[in-house]
Amino acid sequence: WIRGYLMSVPSVALFFAAGGWVGVSALAVVWVVSNFELEALNYLEHYGLIRVKDQPIDYRHNWDNNTLFTSWFFIEIGRQADHHDRGETHFWELENVGAPNTGWGYFTIFALALVPPIWHWYMRKRLATWDEKFATIEEKVIAARINKEVGYEGTSFDGDELSFPVEN
C-alpha cells in the first residue's frame, strides 16, 4: 500500500508547482470525488448479492446495467459481469451476458441509493428474485438466514427475470 501512496508524490508535486496549495487542494477534491464514485458504483454493482466463500465469481454475482446512458456515460462498466469475467477485454467489446440487471440506469439507482428506505424498498423484490432465479442451493440457505435477520423474510418472487436476453 505504501508503494501506491509513493506513486502519488509526483502528482502532488506537479499540482503544487502549478498551483500551490490551491492546486494540491484541487487534486485532493478530484481524488475524494473519484474515490466516492468508485465505491458507490462498487456498492451498486454488488448490493445484496451472496457468494459462498471460496467459490468462484460468476455472472450472477454482479448487478449489470445495460441502459444506453449508463453505457455512454460510464464507458460500458454497466456490463459488470462480463468485465469481471474478461477483465482484459476492451470496454467497447464487453457484452450483455444475461446477468441480473438493476432495471434502471446508474444515475437513477445512484439517486435511489442516496435515500436508503427507497433503495431498500426498490431492491427488496429484486433480491428475492435473485434468490429464486440465480442463487445456488448453498446461497439460498445463506440468503434465507440473512433475509430473516434484516426483515426481508417472506418477500415474494415477482416473476421479473432480472436480466435482458443474451445477445448472440
N, C-alpha and C. Protein backbone atom coordinates (compact mmCIF):
# COMPACT_ATOMS: atom_id res chain seq x y z
N TRP A 1 0.81 -1.19 0.00
CA TRP A 1 0.00 0.00 0.00
C TRP A 1 0.85 1.25 0.00
N ILE A 2 2.01 1.18 0.64
CA ILE A 2 2.87 2.36 0.69
C ILE A 2 3.38 2.73 -0.71
N ARG A 3 3.58 1.72 -1.55
CA ARG A 3 4.02 1.97 -2.92
C ARG A 3 3.00 2.82 -3.67
N GLY A 4 1.72 2.53 -3.46
CA GLY A 4 0.66 3.31 -4.10
C GLY A 4 0.70 4.77 -3.69
N TYR A 5 0.91 5.00 -2.39
CA TYR A 5 1.00 6.39 -1.92
C TYR A 5 2.24 7.07 -2.47
N LEU A 6 3.34 6.36 -2.53
CA LEU A 6 4.57 6.94 -3.07
C LEU A 6 4.41 7.31 -4.54
N MET A 7 3.61 6.55 -5.26
CA MET A 7 3.38 6.86 -6.67
C MET A 7 2.57 8.15 -6.84
N SER A 8 1.91 8.62 -5.79
CA SER A 8 1.15 9.86 -5.84
C SER A 8 2.01 11.09 -5.63
N VAL A 9 3.20 10.91 -5.09
CA VAL A 9 4.09 12.04 -4.78
C VAL A 9 4.35 12.91 -6.01
N PRO A 10 4.68 12.34 -7.18
CA PRO A 10 4.90 13.21 -8.35
C PRO A 10 3.67 14.05 -8.72
N SER A 11 2.47 13.46 -8.60
CA SER A 11 1.25 14.22 -8.90
C SER A 11 1.09 15.39 -7.95
N VAL A 12 1.29 15.13 -6.66
CA VAL A 12 1.17 16.20 -5.67
C VAL A 12 2.20 17.28 -5.96
N ALA A 13 3.43 16.89 -6.28
CA ALA A 13 4.49 17.86 -6.57
C ALA A 13 4.13 18.70 -7.80
N LEU A 14 3.63 18.07 -8.85
CA LEU A 14 3.26 18.81 -10.05
C LEU A 14 2.11 19.77 -9.79
N PHE A 15 1.10 19.32 -9.06
CA PHE A 15 -0.03 20.19 -8.76
C PHE A 15 0.40 21.34 -7.85
N PHE A 16 1.33 21.08 -6.94
CA PHE A 16 1.85 22.15 -6.09
C PHE A 16 2.65 23.15 -6.92
N ALA A 17 3.47 22.63 -7.84
CA ALA A 17 4.27 23.52 -8.70
C ALA A 17 3.38 24.38 -9.59
N ALA A 18 2.29 23.80 -10.06
CA ALA A 18 1.40 24.53 -10.97
C ALA A 18 0.47 25.49 -10.25
N GLY A 19 0.02 25.13 -9.05
CA GLY A 19 -1.00 25.96 -8.40
C GLY A 19 -0.83 26.16 -6.92
N GLY A 20 0.29 25.77 -6.38
CA GLY A 20 0.50 25.93 -4.93
C GLY A 20 -0.49 25.07 -4.16
N TRP A 21 -0.88 25.57 -2.99
CA TRP A 21 -1.80 24.81 -2.16
C TRP A 21 -3.19 24.72 -2.77
N VAL A 22 -3.55 25.71 -3.60
CA VAL A 22 -4.83 25.63 -4.31
C VAL A 22 -4.80 24.45 -5.28
N GLY A 23 -3.69 24.26 -5.97
CA GLY A 23 -3.55 23.13 -6.89
C GLY A 23 -3.63 21.80 -6.16
N VAL A 24 -2.94 21.70 -5.02
CA VAL A 24 -2.98 20.46 -4.23
C VAL A 24 -4.40 20.23 -3.70
N SER A 25 -5.08 21.30 -3.30
CA SER A 25 -6.47 21.17 -2.83
C SER A 25 -7.37 20.67 -3.96
N ALA A 26 -7.17 21.19 -5.17
CA ALA A 26 -7.97 20.73 -6.31
C ALA A 26 -7.73 19.25 -6.57
N LEU A 27 -6.47 18.83 -6.49
CA LEU A 27 -6.14 17.41 -6.67
C LEU A 27 -6.82 16.56 -5.60
N ALA A 28 -6.81 17.04 -4.36
CA ALA A 28 -7.45 16.30 -3.27
C ALA A 28 -8.95 16.15 -3.51
N VAL A 29 -9.59 17.20 -4.01
CA VAL A 29 -11.02 17.14 -4.31
C VAL A 29 -11.28 16.10 -5.41
N VAL A 30 -10.46 16.10 -6.44
CA VAL A 30 -10.61 15.11 -7.52
C VAL A 30 -10.45 13.70 -6.96
N TRP A 31 -9.47 13.49 -6.11
CA TRP A 31 -9.26 12.17 -5.51
C TRP A 31 -10.45 11.74 -4.67
N VAL A 32 -10.98 12.63 -3.85
CA VAL A 32 -12.11 12.29 -2.98
C VAL A 32 -13.35 11.96 -3.82
N VAL A 33 -13.66 12.81 -4.79
CA VAL A 33 -14.84 12.59 -5.62
C VAL A 33 -14.72 11.30 -6.43
N SER A 34 -13.56 11.07 -7.03
CA SER A 34 -13.40 9.85 -7.84
C SER A 34 -13.44 8.60 -6.97
N ASN A 35 -12.89 8.66 -5.77
CA ASN A 35 -12.95 7.50 -4.88
C ASN A 35 -14.39 7.25 -4.42
N PHE A 36 -15.13 8.32 -4.13
CA PHE A 36 -16.53 8.17 -3.75
C PHE A 36 -17.32 7.52 -4.89
N GLU A 37 -17.09 7.98 -6.12
CA GLU A 37 -17.79 7.41 -7.26
C GLU A 37 -17.45 5.93 -7.44
N LEU A 38 -16.18 5.60 -7.31
CA LEU A 38 -15.75 4.20 -7.44
C LEU A 38 -16.43 3.32 -6.39
N GLU A 39 -16.43 3.77 -5.14
CA GLU A 39 -17.04 2.97 -4.07
C GLU A 39 -18.55 2.90 -4.22
N ALA A 40 -19.18 3.99 -4.68
CA ALA A 40 -20.62 3.99 -4.89
C ALA A 40 -21.00 2.99 -5.99
N LEU A 41 -20.24 3.00 -7.08
CA LEU A 41 -20.52 2.04 -8.15
C LEU A 41 -20.29 0.61 -7.69
N ASN A 42 -19.26 0.38 -6.90
CA ASN A 42 -19.00 -0.95 -6.37
C ASN A 42 -20.17 -1.41 -5.51
N TYR A 43 -20.70 -0.51 -4.69
CA TYR A 43 -21.86 -0.81 -3.85
C TYR A 43 -23.06 -1.18 -4.71
N LEU A 44 -23.34 -0.36 -5.73
CA LEU A 44 -24.49 -0.60 -6.60
C LEU A 44 -24.36 -1.89 -7.40
N GLU A 45 -23.15 -2.22 -7.80
CA GLU A 45 -22.93 -3.37 -8.67
C GLU A 45 -22.96 -4.71 -7.93
N HIS A 46 -22.87 -4.66 -6.61
CA HIS A 46 -22.81 -5.92 -5.85
C HIS A 46 -23.80 -5.97 -4.68
N TYR A 47 -24.64 -4.97 -4.54
CA TYR A 47 -25.52 -4.85 -3.39
C TYR A 47 -26.35 -6.11 -3.15
N GLY A 48 -26.23 -6.66 -1.96
CA GLY A 48 -27.07 -7.75 -1.50
C GLY A 48 -26.81 -9.11 -2.11
N LEU A 49 -25.88 -9.21 -3.03
CA LEU A 49 -25.63 -10.50 -3.68
C LEU A 49 -24.71 -11.36 -2.82
N ILE A 50 -24.95 -12.64 -2.85
CA ILE A 50 -24.27 -13.58 -1.96
C ILE A 50 -23.42 -14.53 -2.79
N ARG A 51 -22.27 -14.84 -2.25
CA ARG A 51 -21.41 -15.87 -2.86
C ARG A 51 -20.83 -16.70 -1.72
N VAL A 52 -20.90 -18.00 -1.86
CA VAL A 52 -20.33 -18.89 -0.85
C VAL A 52 -18.81 -18.70 -0.85
N LYS A 53 -18.25 -18.59 0.35
CA LYS A 53 -16.81 -18.35 0.49
C LYS A 53 -16.00 -19.38 -0.30
N ASP A 54 -14.97 -18.90 -0.96
CA ASP A 54 -14.04 -19.69 -1.77
C ASP A 54 -14.65 -20.25 -3.06
N GLN A 55 -15.88 -19.87 -3.37
CA GLN A 55 -16.47 -20.27 -4.65
C GLN A 55 -16.13 -19.21 -5.70
N PRO A 56 -15.96 -19.61 -6.95
CA PRO A 56 -15.61 -18.63 -7.98
C PRO A 56 -16.72 -17.61 -8.23
N ILE A 57 -16.32 -16.43 -8.65
CA ILE A 57 -17.28 -15.40 -9.01
C ILE A 57 -17.90 -15.78 -10.35
N ASP A 58 -19.21 -15.62 -10.43
CA ASP A 58 -19.95 -15.96 -11.64
C ASP A 58 -20.71 -14.71 -12.10
N TYR A 59 -21.27 -14.76 -13.30
CA TYR A 59 -22.04 -13.62 -13.81
C TYR A 59 -23.12 -13.18 -12.84
N ARG A 60 -23.73 -14.12 -12.17
CA ARG A 60 -24.86 -13.81 -11.29
C ARG A 60 -24.45 -13.06 -10.03
N HIS A 61 -23.17 -12.88 -9.79
CA HIS A 61 -22.70 -12.17 -8.60
C HIS A 61 -22.50 -10.68 -8.84
N ASN A 62 -23.06 -10.16 -9.90
CA ASN A 62 -22.97 -8.74 -10.23
C ASN A 62 -24.33 -8.26 -10.72
N TRP A 63 -24.67 -7.02 -10.39
CA TRP A 63 -25.83 -6.40 -11.00
C TRP A 63 -25.33 -5.71 -12.26
N ASP A 64 -25.82 -6.14 -13.39
CA ASP A 64 -25.47 -5.49 -14.65
C ASP A 64 -26.42 -4.33 -14.90
N ASN A 65 -26.04 -3.48 -15.81
CA ASN A 65 -26.86 -2.35 -16.18
C ASN A 65 -26.57 -2.05 -17.64
N ASN A 66 -27.52 -2.32 -18.50
CA ASN A 66 -27.29 -2.20 -19.94
C ASN A 66 -28.04 -1.03 -20.57
N THR A 67 -28.40 -0.03 -19.77
CA THR A 67 -29.11 1.11 -20.34
C THR A 67 -28.17 1.95 -21.19
N LEU A 68 -28.74 2.64 -22.14
CA LEU A 68 -27.96 3.42 -23.10
C LEU A 68 -27.12 4.49 -22.41
N PHE A 69 -27.72 5.27 -21.51
CA PHE A 69 -26.98 6.34 -20.85
C PHE A 69 -25.87 5.81 -19.96
N THR A 70 -26.12 4.70 -19.28
CA THR A 70 -25.06 4.10 -18.47
C THR A 70 -23.91 3.67 -19.37
N SER A 71 -24.23 3.07 -20.49
CA SER A 71 -23.17 2.65 -21.42
C SER A 71 -22.36 3.84 -21.91
N TRP A 72 -23.03 4.93 -22.24
CA TRP A 72 -22.34 6.11 -22.76
C TRP A 72 -21.52 6.82 -21.68
N PHE A 73 -22.16 7.10 -20.55
CA PHE A 73 -21.52 7.94 -19.54
C PHE A 73 -20.55 7.18 -18.64
N PHE A 74 -20.72 5.88 -18.52
CA PHE A 74 -19.84 5.10 -17.66
C PHE A 74 -18.98 4.12 -18.46
N ILE A 75 -18.85 4.36 -19.73
CA ILE A 75 -17.97 3.62 -20.63
C ILE A 75 -18.16 2.10 -20.48
N GLU A 76 -19.43 1.67 -20.59
CA GLU A 76 -19.79 0.25 -20.60
C GLU A 76 -19.52 -0.49 -19.29
N ILE A 77 -19.18 0.20 -18.22
CA ILE A 77 -18.90 -0.51 -16.96
C ILE A 77 -20.18 -1.12 -16.39
N GLY A 78 -21.33 -0.73 -16.93
CA GLY A 78 -22.58 -1.36 -16.53
C GLY A 78 -22.63 -2.84 -16.90
N ARG A 79 -21.79 -3.23 -17.82
CA ARG A 79 -21.68 -4.65 -18.18
C ARG A 79 -20.66 -5.30 -17.25
N GLN A 80 -20.95 -5.15 -15.98
CA GLN A 80 -20.05 -5.52 -14.90
C GLN A 80 -19.69 -7.00 -14.89
N ALA A 81 -20.66 -7.86 -15.16
CA ALA A 81 -20.40 -9.30 -15.11
C ALA A 81 -19.36 -9.71 -16.15
N ASP A 82 -19.50 -9.20 -17.36
CA ASP A 82 -18.53 -9.54 -18.40
C ASP A 82 -17.17 -8.92 -18.08
N HIS A 83 -17.17 -7.73 -17.48
CA HIS A 83 -15.92 -7.08 -17.06
C HIS A 83 -15.18 -7.95 -16.05
N HIS A 84 -15.90 -8.53 -15.09
CA HIS A 84 -15.26 -9.40 -14.10
C HIS A 84 -14.75 -10.69 -14.73
N ASP A 85 -15.50 -11.21 -15.68
CA ASP A 85 -15.12 -12.47 -16.30
C ASP A 85 -13.96 -12.30 -17.29
N ARG A 86 -13.99 -11.20 -18.03
CA ARG A 86 -12.96 -10.95 -19.04
C ARG A 86 -12.34 -9.58 -18.80
N GLY A 87 -11.60 -9.45 -17.72
CA GLY A 87 -11.03 -8.17 -17.31
C GLY A 87 -10.09 -7.54 -18.32
N GLU A 88 -9.52 -8.34 -19.17
CA GLU A 88 -8.57 -7.81 -20.17
C GLU A 88 -9.29 -7.27 -21.41
N THR A 89 -10.60 -7.42 -21.48
CA THR A 89 -11.37 -7.02 -22.65
C THR A 89 -11.54 -5.51 -22.71
N HIS A 90 -11.39 -4.94 -23.90
CA HIS A 90 -11.63 -3.50 -24.09
C HIS A 90 -13.10 -3.20 -23.78
N PHE A 91 -13.36 -2.02 -23.22
CA PHE A 91 -14.71 -1.70 -22.78
C PHE A 91 -15.73 -1.78 -23.91
N TRP A 92 -15.35 -1.45 -25.12
CA TRP A 92 -16.29 -1.48 -26.23
C TRP A 92 -16.60 -2.91 -26.69
N GLU A 93 -15.86 -3.87 -26.17
CA GLU A 93 -16.11 -5.27 -26.53
C GLU A 93 -16.89 -6.02 -25.45
N LEU A 94 -17.18 -5.37 -24.32
CA LEU A 94 -17.95 -6.03 -23.27
C LEU A 94 -19.36 -6.33 -23.77
N GLU A 95 -19.89 -7.47 -23.35
CA GLU A 95 -21.18 -7.92 -23.86
C GLU A 95 -22.19 -8.10 -22.73
N ASN A 96 -23.46 -8.10 -23.13
CA ASN A 96 -24.53 -8.46 -22.21
C ASN A 96 -24.51 -9.97 -22.09
N VAL A 97 -24.28 -10.48 -20.89
CA VAL A 97 -24.15 -11.93 -20.70
C VAL A 97 -25.34 -12.53 -19.95
N GLY A 98 -26.42 -11.75 -19.81
CA GLY A 98 -27.61 -12.27 -19.15
C GLY A 98 -27.53 -12.27 -17.64
N ALA A 99 -26.65 -11.45 -17.08
CA ALA A 99 -26.51 -11.35 -15.62
C ALA A 99 -27.72 -10.62 -15.03
N PRO A 100 -27.93 -10.72 -13.71
CA PRO A 100 -29.00 -9.96 -13.08
C PRO A 100 -28.86 -8.48 -13.41
N ASN A 101 -29.99 -7.81 -13.57
CA ASN A 101 -29.97 -6.42 -14.01
C ASN A 101 -30.71 -5.55 -13.02
N THR A 102 -30.19 -4.36 -12.78
CA THR A 102 -30.81 -3.43 -11.82
C THR A 102 -32.12 -2.85 -12.34
N GLY A 103 -32.32 -2.85 -13.63
CA GLY A 103 -33.58 -2.37 -14.18
C GLY A 103 -33.60 -0.90 -14.55
N TRP A 104 -32.79 -0.09 -13.92
CA TRP A 104 -32.69 1.33 -14.21
C TRP A 104 -31.23 1.67 -14.42
N GLY A 105 -30.98 2.82 -15.01
CA GLY A 105 -29.62 3.27 -15.24
C GLY A 105 -28.91 3.65 -13.95
N TYR A 106 -27.58 3.78 -14.03
CA TYR A 106 -26.78 4.13 -12.86
C TYR A 106 -27.19 5.45 -12.23
N PHE A 107 -27.53 6.44 -13.05
CA PHE A 107 -27.92 7.73 -12.48
C PHE A 107 -29.14 7.56 -11.58
N THR A 108 -30.12 6.79 -12.05
CA THR A 108 -31.35 6.58 -11.28
C THR A 108 -31.09 5.75 -10.03
N ILE A 109 -30.38 4.63 -10.16
CA ILE A 109 -30.18 3.81 -8.97
C ILE A 109 -29.24 4.47 -7.98
N PHE A 110 -28.31 5.31 -8.48
CA PHE A 110 -27.46 6.07 -7.56
C PHE A 110 -28.33 7.02 -6.73
N ALA A 111 -29.27 7.71 -7.39
CA ALA A 111 -30.17 8.61 -6.67
C ALA A 111 -31.01 7.83 -5.66
N LEU A 112 -31.50 6.65 -6.04
CA LEU A 112 -32.27 5.82 -5.12
C LEU A 112 -31.42 5.40 -3.92
N ALA A 113 -30.17 5.04 -4.17
CA ALA A 113 -29.29 4.57 -3.09
C ALA A 113 -28.97 5.67 -2.09
N LEU A 114 -29.10 6.93 -2.49
CA LEU A 114 -28.85 8.04 -1.56
C LEU A 114 -29.96 8.19 -0.53
N VAL A 115 -31.10 7.53 -0.77
CA VAL A 115 -32.22 7.54 0.18
C VAL A 115 -32.46 6.08 0.58
N PRO A 116 -31.79 5.61 1.64
CA PRO A 116 -31.84 4.18 1.98
C PRO A 116 -33.22 3.54 2.05
N PRO A 117 -34.26 4.18 2.64
CA PRO A 117 -35.55 3.48 2.65
C PRO A 117 -36.10 3.21 1.24
N ILE A 118 -35.90 4.15 0.34
CA ILE A 118 -36.36 3.94 -1.05
C ILE A 118 -35.50 2.88 -1.73
N TRP A 119 -34.20 2.94 -1.52
CA TRP A 119 -33.28 1.96 -2.11
C TRP A 119 -33.63 0.55 -1.64
N HIS A 120 -33.83 0.38 -0.34
CA HIS A 120 -34.15 -0.96 0.18
C HIS A 120 -35.50 -1.44 -0.34
N TRP A 121 -36.46 -0.53 -0.43
CA TRP A 121 -37.77 -0.89 -0.98
C TRP A 121 -37.61 -1.37 -2.43
N TYR A 122 -36.84 -0.64 -3.21
CA TYR A 122 -36.65 -0.98 -4.62
C TYR A 122 -35.91 -2.32 -4.78
N MET A 123 -34.88 -2.52 -3.99
CA MET A 123 -34.04 -3.71 -4.16
C MET A 123 -34.60 -4.97 -3.50
N ARG A 124 -35.52 -4.83 -2.58
CA ARG A 124 -36.02 -5.99 -1.83
C ARG A 124 -36.58 -7.07 -2.76
N LYS A 125 -37.47 -6.70 -3.66
CA LYS A 125 -38.04 -7.70 -4.58
C LYS A 125 -37.00 -8.18 -5.58
N ARG A 126 -36.07 -7.33 -5.97
CA ARG A 126 -35.02 -7.75 -6.90
C ARG A 126 -34.15 -8.81 -6.23
N LEU A 127 -33.87 -8.62 -4.95
CA LEU A 127 -33.07 -9.61 -4.22
C LEU A 127 -33.84 -10.92 -4.05
N ALA A 128 -35.15 -10.83 -3.79
CA ALA A 128 -35.97 -12.04 -3.69
C ALA A 128 -35.96 -12.79 -5.02
N THR A 129 -36.02 -12.04 -6.10
CA THR A 129 -35.98 -12.64 -7.43
C THR A 129 -34.61 -13.28 -7.67
N TRP A 130 -33.54 -12.59 -7.26
CA TRP A 130 -32.20 -13.16 -7.41
C TRP A 130 -32.09 -14.47 -6.63
N ASP A 131 -32.60 -14.45 -5.38
CA ASP A 131 -32.57 -15.67 -4.56
C ASP A 131 -33.27 -16.82 -5.28
N GLU A 132 -34.40 -16.53 -5.89
CA GLU A 132 -35.20 -17.56 -6.55
C GLU A 132 -34.60 -18.05 -7.87
N LYS A 133 -34.10 -17.13 -8.68
CA LYS A 133 -33.70 -17.47 -10.04
C LYS A 133 -32.20 -17.67 -10.26
N PHE A 134 -31.36 -17.09 -9.40
CA PHE A 134 -29.92 -17.12 -9.65
C PHE A 134 -29.11 -17.85 -8.58
N ALA A 135 -29.57 -17.85 -7.34
CA ALA A 135 -28.78 -18.40 -6.24
C ALA A 135 -28.67 -19.92 -6.31
N THR A 136 -27.51 -20.42 -5.90
CA THR A 136 -27.33 -21.86 -5.75
C THR A 136 -28.04 -22.30 -4.47
N ILE A 137 -28.13 -23.58 -4.24
CA ILE A 137 -28.77 -24.08 -3.02
C ILE A 137 -28.06 -23.54 -1.79
N GLU A 138 -26.72 -23.56 -1.80
CA GLU A 138 -25.95 -23.06 -0.65
C GLU A 138 -26.19 -21.56 -0.45
N GLU A 139 -26.26 -20.81 -1.54
CA GLU A 139 -26.51 -19.37 -1.44
C GLU A 139 -27.92 -19.09 -0.94
N LYS A 140 -28.88 -19.94 -1.31
CA LYS A 140 -30.25 -19.76 -0.83
C LYS A 140 -30.32 -19.95 0.68
N VAL A 141 -29.55 -20.89 1.22
CA VAL A 141 -29.51 -21.10 2.67
C VAL A 141 -28.98 -19.85 3.36
N ILE A 142 -27.89 -19.30 2.85
CA ILE A 142 -27.31 -18.08 3.42
C ILE A 142 -28.30 -16.93 3.28
N ALA A 143 -28.92 -16.79 2.11
CA ALA A 143 -29.87 -15.71 1.86
C ALA A 143 -31.06 -15.79 2.81
N ALA A 144 -31.57 -16.99 3.05
CA ALA A 144 -32.71 -17.16 3.95
C ALA A 144 -32.37 -16.67 5.36
N ARG A 145 -31.16 -17.01 5.83
CA ARG A 145 -30.74 -16.57 7.16
C ARG A 145 -30.62 -15.04 7.21
N ILE A 146 -29.96 -14.47 6.21
CA ILE A 146 -29.77 -13.01 6.19
C ILE A 146 -31.11 -12.30 6.01
N ASN A 147 -31.98 -12.80 5.13
CA ASN A 147 -33.28 -12.18 4.92
C ASN A 147 -34.09 -12.15 6.21
N LYS A 148 -33.99 -13.21 7.00
CA LYS A 148 -34.69 -13.24 8.28
C LYS A 148 -34.12 -12.19 9.23
N GLU A 149 -32.78 -12.06 9.25
CA GLU A 149 -32.13 -11.09 10.13
C GLU A 149 -32.51 -9.65 9.80
N VAL A 150 -32.66 -9.33 8.51
CA VAL A 150 -32.92 -7.94 8.11
C VAL A 150 -34.40 -7.66 7.85
N GLY A 151 -35.26 -8.65 8.04
CA GLY A 151 -36.68 -8.43 7.86
C GLY A 151 -37.18 -8.59 6.44
N TYR A 152 -36.42 -9.22 5.58
CA TYR A 152 -36.84 -9.46 4.20
C TYR A 152 -37.52 -10.81 4.04
N GLU A 153 -37.59 -11.56 5.12
CA GLU A 153 -38.19 -12.89 5.05
C GLU A 153 -39.63 -12.78 4.55
N GLY A 154 -39.99 -13.62 3.62
CA GLY A 154 -41.34 -13.62 3.09
C GLY A 154 -41.53 -12.73 1.88
N THR A 155 -40.49 -12.02 1.45
CA THR A 155 -40.62 -11.23 0.22
C THR A 155 -40.76 -12.20 -0.93
N SER A 156 -41.81 -11.99 -1.72
CA SER A 156 -42.09 -12.97 -2.76
C SER A 156 -41.37 -12.64 -4.07
N PHE A 157 -41.08 -13.70 -4.79
CA PHE A 157 -40.53 -13.61 -6.14
C PHE A 157 -41.63 -13.03 -7.02
N ASP A 158 -41.33 -11.96 -7.75
CA ASP A 158 -42.39 -11.30 -8.52
C ASP A 158 -42.42 -11.66 -10.00
N GLY A 159 -41.64 -12.65 -10.39
CA GLY A 159 -41.65 -13.10 -11.78
C GLY A 159 -40.73 -12.33 -12.69
N ASP A 160 -40.12 -11.26 -12.19
CA ASP A 160 -39.18 -10.48 -13.00
C ASP A 160 -37.93 -11.31 -13.23
N GLU A 161 -37.54 -11.47 -14.46
CA GLU A 161 -36.38 -12.30 -14.78
C GLU A 161 -35.06 -11.62 -14.44
N LEU A 162 -35.07 -10.30 -14.24
CA LEU A 162 -33.90 -9.52 -13.84
C LEU A 162 -32.82 -9.38 -14.89
N SER A 163 -32.95 -10.02 -16.00
CA SER A 163 -31.87 -9.91 -16.98
C SER A 163 -32.44 -9.73 -18.37
N PHE A 164 -31.66 -9.06 -19.19
CA PHE A 164 -32.02 -8.93 -20.59
C PHE A 164 -31.57 -10.21 -21.30
N PRO A 165 -32.22 -10.55 -22.39
CA PRO A 165 -31.76 -11.73 -23.14
C PRO A 165 -30.31 -11.54 -23.58
N VAL A 166 -29.59 -12.62 -23.61
CA VAL A 166 -28.20 -12.57 -24.05
C VAL A 166 -28.18 -12.32 -25.55
N GLU A 167 -27.33 -11.36 -25.94
CA GLU A 167 -27.19 -11.04 -27.37
C GLU A 167 -26.34 -12.11 -28.03
N ASN A 168 -26.74 -12.55 -29.20
CA ASN A 168 -25.96 -13.55 -29.95
C ASN A 168 -25.26 -12.90 -31.11
